[in-house]
Protein backbone atom coordinates (compact mmCIF):
# COMPACT_ATOMS: atom_id res chain seq x y z
CA MET A 1 0.00 0.00 0.00
CA ALA A 2 1.38 3.40 -0.97
CA THR A 3 1.91 6.11 1.67
CA ASP A 4 2.14 9.86 1.38
CA PRO A 5 5.78 10.89 1.67
CA SER A 6 4.82 14.25 3.11
CA SER A 7 3.18 12.61 6.09
CA GLN A 8 6.34 10.90 7.22
CA ILE A 9 8.99 12.40 9.47
CA PRO A 10 12.31 12.73 7.64
CA THR A 11 15.13 10.88 9.31
CA ARG A 12 18.82 10.47 8.88
CA ALA A 13 20.85 7.37 9.57
CA ASN A 14 24.34 7.14 10.87
CA SER A 15 26.22 4.88 8.49
CA ARG A 16 28.95 3.97 10.92
CA ARG A 17 28.73 0.37 12.02
CA SER A 18 29.70 1.14 15.54
CA SER A 19 26.44 2.99 16.10
CA ASN A 20 23.11 2.41 14.33
CA LEU A 21 21.27 5.42 15.72
CA ILE A 22 18.38 7.17 14.03
CA HIS A 23 17.81 10.84 14.90
CA PRO A 24 14.72 12.96 14.20
CA VAL A 25 15.42 16.10 12.19
CA ASP A 26 12.51 18.50 12.15
CA VAL A 27 10.88 17.83 15.51
CA GLU A 28 10.57 20.99 17.61
CA THR A 29 11.00 20.38 21.31
CA PRO A 30 9.64 22.90 23.83
CA PRO A 31 12.31 24.91 25.68
CA VAL A 32 13.23 23.55 29.09
CA ARG A 33 13.07 26.10 31.89
CA THR A 34 16.09 26.06 34.12
CA PRO A 35 15.23 26.63 37.77
CA SER A 36 16.28 29.97 39.13
CA PRO A 37 19.25 29.70 41.45
CA ILE A 38 18.51 29.75 45.14
CA VAL A 39 20.05 32.78 46.82
CA TYR A 40 21.18 32.15 50.38
CA ARG A 41 21.41 35.20 52.59
CA GLU A 42 23.08 35.35 55.95
CA ILE A 43 20.64 36.30 58.67
CA LYS A 44 22.25 39.17 60.53
CA HIS A 45 20.54 38.27 63.79
CA PHE A 46 22.45 34.96 63.83
CA LYS A 47 25.67 36.12 62.22
CA LYS A 48 28.82 34.35 63.40
CA TRP A 49 31.43 36.89 64.47
CA ILE A 50 35.17 36.37 64.49
CA PRO A 51 36.22 36.70 68.16
CA TRP A 52 39.13 39.07 68.71
CA LEU A 53 38.16 41.28 71.66
CA ILE A 54 38.16 38.55 74.31
CA PRO A 55 41.63 37.28 73.28
CA ALA A 56 42.79 40.90 73.38
CA PHE A 57 41.40 41.20 76.93
CA VAL A 58 43.33 38.07 77.93
CA VAL A 59 46.57 39.46 76.51
CA ALA A 60 45.97 42.79 78.27
CA ASN A 61 45.49 41.07 81.64
CA ILE A 62 48.65 39.01 81.20
CA VAL A 63 50.67 42.08 80.20
CA MET A 64 49.38 43.98 83.24
CA PHE A 65 50.40 41.12 85.53
CA ILE A 66 53.91 41.06 84.04
CA ILE A 67 54.21 44.83 84.51
CA THR A 68 52.97 44.49 88.09
CA MET A 69 55.59 41.85 88.88
CA TYR A 70 58.26 44.03 87.28
CA VAL A 71 57.25 46.95 89.51
CA ASN A 72 57.06 44.65 92.54
CA ASN A 73 60.75 43.60 92.24
CA CYS A 74 60.68 41.16 95.14
CA PRO A 75 64.49 40.62 95.47
CA LYS A 76 65.01 44.33 96.03
CA ASN A 77 62.00 45.06 98.21
CA SER A 78 61.74 41.84 100.25
CA VAL A 79 64.09 39.73 102.33
CA SER A 80 62.89 36.39 100.93
CA CYS A 81 61.12 35.49 97.70
CA ILE A 82 59.62 32.47 95.96
CA ALA A 83 61.22 31.33 92.66
CA ASP A 84 64.35 33.45 93.03
CA PHE A 85 65.56 32.32 89.58
CA LEU A 86 62.94 34.65 88.06
CA GLY A 87 64.87 37.66 89.30
CA ARG A 88 62.74 40.75 89.79
CA PHE A 89 59.72 38.77 88.60
CA SER A 90 59.92 36.37 91.58
CA PHE A 91 56.95 36.14 93.95
CA GLN A 92 56.31 37.35 97.47
CA PRO A 93 56.57 34.81 100.35
CA PHE A 94 53.63 32.43 100.56
CA LYS A 95 52.59 33.77 103.96
CA GLU A 96 52.29 37.23 102.51
CA ASN A 97 50.59 36.19 99.25
CA PRO A 98 49.52 32.54 98.77
CA LEU A 99 48.51 33.21 95.15
CA LEU A 100 52.12 33.58 93.94
CA GLY A 101 52.03 37.25 93.16
CA PRO A 102 53.09 40.75 94.21
CA SER A 103 52.72 42.54 97.51
CA SER A 104 49.67 44.50 98.60
CA ALA A 105 51.65 47.73 98.41
CA THR A 106 52.48 47.06 94.75
CA LEU A 107 48.87 46.29 93.91
CA GLN A 108 47.82 49.55 95.53
CA LYS A 109 50.40 51.40 93.49
CA MET A 110 49.13 49.81 90.26
CA GLY A 111 45.48 50.74 90.89
CA ALA A 112 43.89 48.18 93.22
CA LEU A 113 40.49 49.03 94.67
CA ASP A 114 41.01 50.94 97.91
CA VAL A 115 37.81 52.44 99.30
CA LYS A 116 39.59 55.07 101.37
CA LYS A 117 41.33 56.42 98.28
CA VAL A 118 38.15 56.26 96.22
CA VAL A 119 36.08 58.19 98.79
CA ASP A 120 38.61 60.48 100.47
CA ARG A 121 40.97 61.15 97.53
CA HIS A 122 38.34 60.94 94.79
CA GLN A 123 40.18 58.17 92.91
CA GLY A 124 37.07 56.70 91.33
CA TRP A 125 39.14 55.29 88.45
CA ARG A 126 40.16 52.47 90.78
CA LEU A 127 36.68 50.97 90.27
CA ILE A 128 37.82 50.23 86.69
CA THR A 129 41.58 49.64 86.98
CA CYS A 130 41.24 46.98 89.67
CA ASN A 131 39.55 44.72 87.10
CA TRP A 132 42.80 44.50 85.09
CA LEU A 133 45.02 43.47 88.03
CA HIS A 134 45.43 40.04 89.64
CA GLY A 135 46.67 38.87 93.00
CA GLY A 136 48.86 36.07 91.64
CA VAL A 137 49.50 33.38 89.05
CA PHE A 138 46.75 31.08 90.33
CA HIS A 139 44.25 33.92 90.29
CA LEU A 140 45.28 34.97 86.77
CA LEU A 141 45.13 31.45 85.31
CA ALA A 142 41.72 30.69 86.79
CA ASN A 143 40.24 33.89 85.41
CA MET A 144 41.84 33.83 81.97
CA LEU A 145 41.01 30.20 81.23
CA SER A 146 37.41 30.80 82.23
CA LEU A 147 37.33 34.02 80.19
CA LEU A 148 38.49 32.21 77.06
CA VAL A 149 35.94 29.42 77.46
CA ILE A 150 33.01 31.74 78.11
CA GLY A 151 33.94 34.96 76.34
CA ILE A 152 34.88 33.54 72.94
CA ARG A 153 31.57 31.71 72.68
CA LEU A 154 29.62 34.85 73.57
CA GLU A 155 31.61 37.09 71.23
CA ARG A 156 31.15 34.64 68.35
CA GLU A 157 27.39 34.70 68.90
CA PHE A 158 26.76 38.34 69.79
CA GLY A 159 29.72 40.37 68.53
CA PHE A 160 32.45 42.38 70.21
CA ILE A 161 30.36 45.50 70.98
CA ARG A 162 27.73 43.87 73.16
CA VAL A 163 30.14 41.46 74.82
CA GLY A 164 32.68 44.23 75.42
CA LEU A 165 30.05 46.42 77.11
CA LEU A 166 28.85 43.43 79.11
CA TYR A 167 32.40 42.76 80.32
CA VAL A 168 33.29 46.35 81.28
CA ILE A 169 29.97 47.28 82.93
CA SER A 170 29.87 44.00 84.88
CA GLY A 171 33.39 44.67 86.14
CA PHE A 172 32.28 48.09 87.34
CA GLY A 173 29.24 46.61 89.07
CA GLY A 174 31.41 44.03 90.82
CA SER A 175 33.84 46.70 92.01
CA LEU A 176 30.96 48.80 93.29
CA LEU A 177 29.52 46.04 95.48
CA SER A 178 33.00 45.11 96.65
CA ALA A 179 33.70 48.70 97.71
CA LEU A 180 30.49 48.79 99.75
CA PHE A 181 31.55 45.75 101.80
CA LEU A 182 35.36 45.76 101.76
CA GLN A 183 36.06 49.00 103.59
CA SER A 184 39.52 48.08 104.90
CA ASN A 185 40.96 45.56 102.42
CA ILE A 186 42.11 46.06 98.85
CA SER A 187 40.57 44.18 95.94
CA VAL A 188 41.84 43.16 92.50
CA GLY A 189 40.84 40.79 89.71
CA ALA A 190 38.76 40.37 86.57
CA SER A 191 36.44 38.00 88.39
CA GLY A 192 33.66 40.56 88.55
CA ALA A 193 33.70 41.00 84.78
CA LEU A 194 34.02 37.24 84.29
CA PHE A 195 31.03 36.55 86.51
CA GLY A 196 29.20 39.18 84.50
CA LEU A 197 29.70 37.04 81.41
CA LEU A 198 28.42 34.05 83.39
CA GLY A 199 25.39 36.02 84.46
CA GLY A 200 24.84 37.11 80.86
CA MET A 201 24.99 33.49 79.72
CA LEU A 202 22.37 32.53 82.29
CA SER A 203 19.97 35.32 81.33
CA GLU A 204 20.59 34.62 77.64
CA LEU A 205 19.68 31.00 78.29
CA ILE A 206 16.44 32.13 79.91
CA THR A 207 15.37 34.75 77.40
CA ASN A 208 16.30 32.57 74.38
CA TRP A 209 15.21 29.30 75.97
CA THR A 210 13.71 27.64 72.87
CA MET A 211 16.94 27.93 70.86
CA TYR A 212 18.99 25.58 73.04
CA ALA A 213 19.07 21.88 72.21
CA ASN A 214 20.97 20.76 75.34
CA LYS A 215 20.00 23.03 78.20
CA VAL A 216 21.37 20.70 80.91
CA ALA A 217 24.91 20.79 79.51
CA ALA A 218 24.88 24.59 79.44
CA PHE A 219 23.64 24.70 83.03
CA VAL A 220 26.28 22.24 84.30
CA THR A 221 29.06 24.23 82.61
CA LEU A 222 27.93 27.41 84.33
CA VAL A 223 27.78 25.72 87.75
CA VAL A 224 31.30 24.25 87.45
CA ILE A 225 32.91 27.54 86.44
CA ILE A 226 31.06 29.45 89.16
CA ALA A 227 32.15 26.91 91.81
CA ILE A 228 35.82 27.18 90.81
CA ASN A 229 35.85 30.95 91.04
CA LEU A 230 33.94 30.97 94.32
CA ALA A 231 36.56 28.63 95.78
CA VAL A 232 39.34 31.02 94.75
CA GLY A 233 37.34 33.87 96.26
CA ILE A 234 37.95 32.77 99.86
CA LEU A 235 41.66 33.59 99.52
CA PRO A 236 43.16 37.03 100.22
CA HIS A 237 43.44 39.60 97.41
CA VAL A 238 40.25 38.14 95.90
CA ASP A 239 36.71 38.94 97.00
CA ASN A 240 33.42 37.26 96.32
CA PHE A 241 31.57 40.55 96.61
CA ALA A 242 33.02 41.43 93.21
CA HIS A 243 31.86 38.01 91.98
CA ILE A 244 28.33 38.57 93.24
CA GLY A 245 28.12 42.17 92.03
CA GLY A 246 29.50 41.28 88.60
CA PHE A 247 27.19 38.29 88.29
CA LEU A 248 24.08 40.31 89.12
CA THR A 249 25.09 43.13 86.79
CA GLY A 250 25.80 40.73 83.93
CA PHE A 251 22.62 38.79 84.62
CA PHE A 252 20.42 41.86 84.11
CA LEU A 253 22.55 43.14 81.24
CA GLY A 254 22.05 39.83 79.45
CA PHE A 255 18.32 40.48 79.18
CA VAL A 256 19.12 43.84 77.58
CA PHE A 257 22.09 43.03 75.30
CA LEU A 258 21.71 39.34 74.44
CA ILE A 259 18.05 39.15 73.42
CA ARG A 260 17.28 37.41 70.10
CA PRO A 261 14.15 37.77 67.90
CA GLN A 262 11.80 34.81 67.66
CA PHE A 263 12.00 32.40 64.74
CA GLY A 264 8.55 33.26 63.41
CA TRP A 265 9.49 36.90 62.86
CA ILE A 266 12.78 35.91 61.19
CA SER A 267 11.04 33.46 58.85
CA GLN A 268 8.58 36.13 57.83
CA ARG A 269 11.27 38.78 57.31
CA TYR A 270 13.43 36.57 55.09
CA ALA A 271 10.58 34.86 53.24
CA PRO A 272 10.66 34.99 49.39
CA SER A 273 8.77 37.74 47.60
CA GLY A 274 5.09 37.02 47.17
CA TYR A 275 4.88 34.98 50.35
CA SER A 276 2.26 36.36 52.68
CA SER A 277 1.46 35.47 56.27
CA SER A 278 0.08 37.10 59.36
CA ALA A 279 2.40 39.65 60.96
CA ARG A 280 4.34 38.36 63.95
CA PRO A 281 6.08 40.44 66.63
CA LYS A 282 9.87 40.54 66.69
CA PHE A 283 10.11 39.61 70.37
CA LYS A 284 7.85 37.68 72.66
CA MET A 285 6.01 39.45 75.42
CA TYR A 286 8.08 37.96 78.24
CA GLN A 287 11.28 39.07 76.47
CA CYS A 288 10.06 42.66 76.37
CA ILE A 289 9.02 42.58 80.03
CA LEU A 290 12.42 41.21 81.10
CA TRP A 291 14.17 43.85 78.98
CA VAL A 292 12.32 46.76 80.60
CA VAL A 293 12.53 45.43 84.17
CA SER A 294 16.24 44.59 83.88
CA LEU A 295 17.11 48.01 82.47
CA ILE A 296 15.31 49.75 85.33
CA ILE A 297 17.00 47.56 87.96
CA LEU A 298 20.41 48.21 86.42
CA ILE A 299 20.05 51.99 86.31
CA VAL A 300 18.61 52.24 89.82
CA GLY A 301 21.03 49.71 91.34
CA LEU A 302 24.23 51.15 89.91
CA THR A 303 23.19 54.73 90.68
CA LEU A 304 22.16 53.91 94.24
CA GLY A 305 25.33 51.93 94.88
CA LEU A 306 27.55 54.73 93.59
CA VAL A 307 25.77 57.32 95.74
CA MET A 308 26.10 55.12 98.83
CA LEU A 309 29.80 54.60 98.17
CA LEU A 310 30.58 58.28 97.73
CA ARG A 311 28.71 59.01 100.97
CA GLY A 312 30.91 56.53 102.83
CA VAL A 313 28.22 53.95 103.62
CA ASP A 314 29.57 50.68 105.06
CA ALA A 315 27.31 47.80 104.04
CA ASN A 316 28.81 45.60 106.79
CA ASP A 317 26.79 47.62 109.31
CA HIS A 318 23.71 45.95 107.89
CA CYS A 319 25.25 42.45 107.57
CA SER A 320 27.70 41.41 110.29
CA TRP A 321 28.65 38.03 108.74
CA CYS A 322 28.88 39.00 105.07
CA HIS A 323 32.64 39.62 105.24
CA TYR A 324 33.19 35.85 105.37
CA LEU A 325 31.87 35.63 101.81
CA SER A 326 35.02 37.43 100.71
CA CYS A 327 37.78 35.70 102.66
CA VAL A 328 38.06 32.87 105.17
CA PRO A 329 41.07 33.34 107.50
CA THR A 330 43.31 30.36 108.27
CA SER A 331 46.53 29.73 110.18
CA ARG A 332 48.51 30.15 106.94
CA TRP A 333 47.18 33.53 105.87
CA SER A 334 45.21 36.49 107.10
CA CYS A 335 42.33 38.25 105.40
CA ASN A 336 43.75 41.66 106.18
CA THR A 337 45.34 42.58 102.85
CA GLU A 338 45.90 46.26 103.47
CA PRO A 339 49.54 47.29 104.07
CA ALA A 340 50.59 46.63 107.64
CA TYR A 341 52.10 49.36 109.82
CA CYS A 342 55.12 48.76 112.02
CA SER A 343 57.74 50.63 113.97
CA SER A 344 61.39 49.69 113.48
CA THR A 345 64.70 50.34 115.17
CA GLN A 346 68.14 49.42 113.87
CA LEU A 347 71.32 48.78 115.89
CA GLY A 348 74.14 47.93 113.52
CA SER A 349 73.01 44.96 111.45
CA GLN A 350 70.09 44.14 113.76
CA VAL A 351 66.65 45.47 112.85
CA ASN A 352 63.82 45.27 115.38
CA ILE A 353 60.35 45.43 113.84
CA THR A 354 57.25 45.84 115.98
CA CYS A 355 53.82 45.27 114.51
CA SER A 356 51.62 48.20 115.54
CA PRO A 357 48.27 46.36 115.87
CA SER A 358 49.56 43.35 117.88
CA GLY A 359 52.71 44.78 119.49
CA LYS A 360 54.71 41.70 118.40
CA THR A 361 58.43 42.42 117.97
CA THR A 362 60.87 40.38 115.87
CA SER A 363 64.59 40.92 115.28
CA TYR A 364 66.27 40.49 111.88
CA PHE A 365 69.91 40.69 110.84
CA LEU A 366 70.20 42.90 107.78
CA PRO A 367 73.41 44.76 106.91
CA VAL A 368 71.52 47.38 104.90
CA ALA A 369 67.74 47.44 105.39
CA SER A 370 65.72 49.47 102.91
CA SER A 371 62.26 50.84 103.67
CA SER A 372 60.64 48.41 101.20
CA GLN A 373 62.35 45.43 102.88
CA ILE A 374 61.14 46.61 106.27
CA GLN A 375 57.62 46.97 104.87
CA SER A 376 57.77 43.43 103.47
CA LEU A 377 58.92 42.02 106.84
CA CYS A 378 56.21 44.01 108.52
CA SER A 379 53.58 42.54 106.21
CA GLN A 380 54.73 38.99 106.98
CA GLN A 381 54.95 39.62 110.71
CA CYS A 382 51.53 41.23 111.02
CA ARG A 383 49.75 38.54 108.98
């Protein structure tokens, strides 16, 4: 039977034996739409920051401790030292400073918190400078290791501005509470600022509760770090009032600085064009309430504390046992860290030193006794 040639589809054959393929020639295929590329945008509210401020804080604290030990110069200013091979960087005797560090007089010279100088001599800058000094190697290591563990995580999540403000303001709050209770002793250490970061972590855990997958692990980490620093706080040159004040300040600051928007608002904000849904608030109601209440407590608390300090109020008058939260005295050290006062007489190579508070007199054989050596012996004798 004959067929119409025009009704057939022309074809061409490949004559090569290796492939007997037949290809259509005039068939028009519809164009295939390529899917539009998916554009991924980084959500600024969950941006990962590169931490640099917290490591810089660690370096600054270490440098300040080295400078403090250089100024201390134990071999020149003391009769005996620990680790004499370190030269002028050697440490004061253990009875004088069990933390392996400088003398109280050196810490005062470098800017330790001294309430009498803050109130009577208007040296309010000591409320800030004391946060960059440390009583010894043990104190420095405990604080810096904790600062690296906590601070880097916070800076990576929230950026250097908010974490930097949290650190500095918490340190000030810790110094303020310390000054209200420690009227006679000096105080140093970054523990107040460190506990502020811990407090900020706790409040951030509360206000952003739904974002954490393992809440128990975060809680246990906080408890361990707090326990370590509280244990160090019972030693001289370190006070738990700074820990408590810094923790409370950082806790309330965390509700202000470390708040995150809820996922529903973020999904709506970054939804593709044409997608419509009911408007959702950026923050939940409880987040807003905590933000307002915390800000009010911070402003009122810090202002009231500063006014009380400048008026010379002693908080121990209202709490007779609270001083034990700062230091627990033992037979190996005393909690009186202010420079001791003694009277001395010298007959040839014999120096007689009498501790003014106790009246205890001890004789030493020193060919040439300098005033700093006498002060060091006085500090050991009166402890």
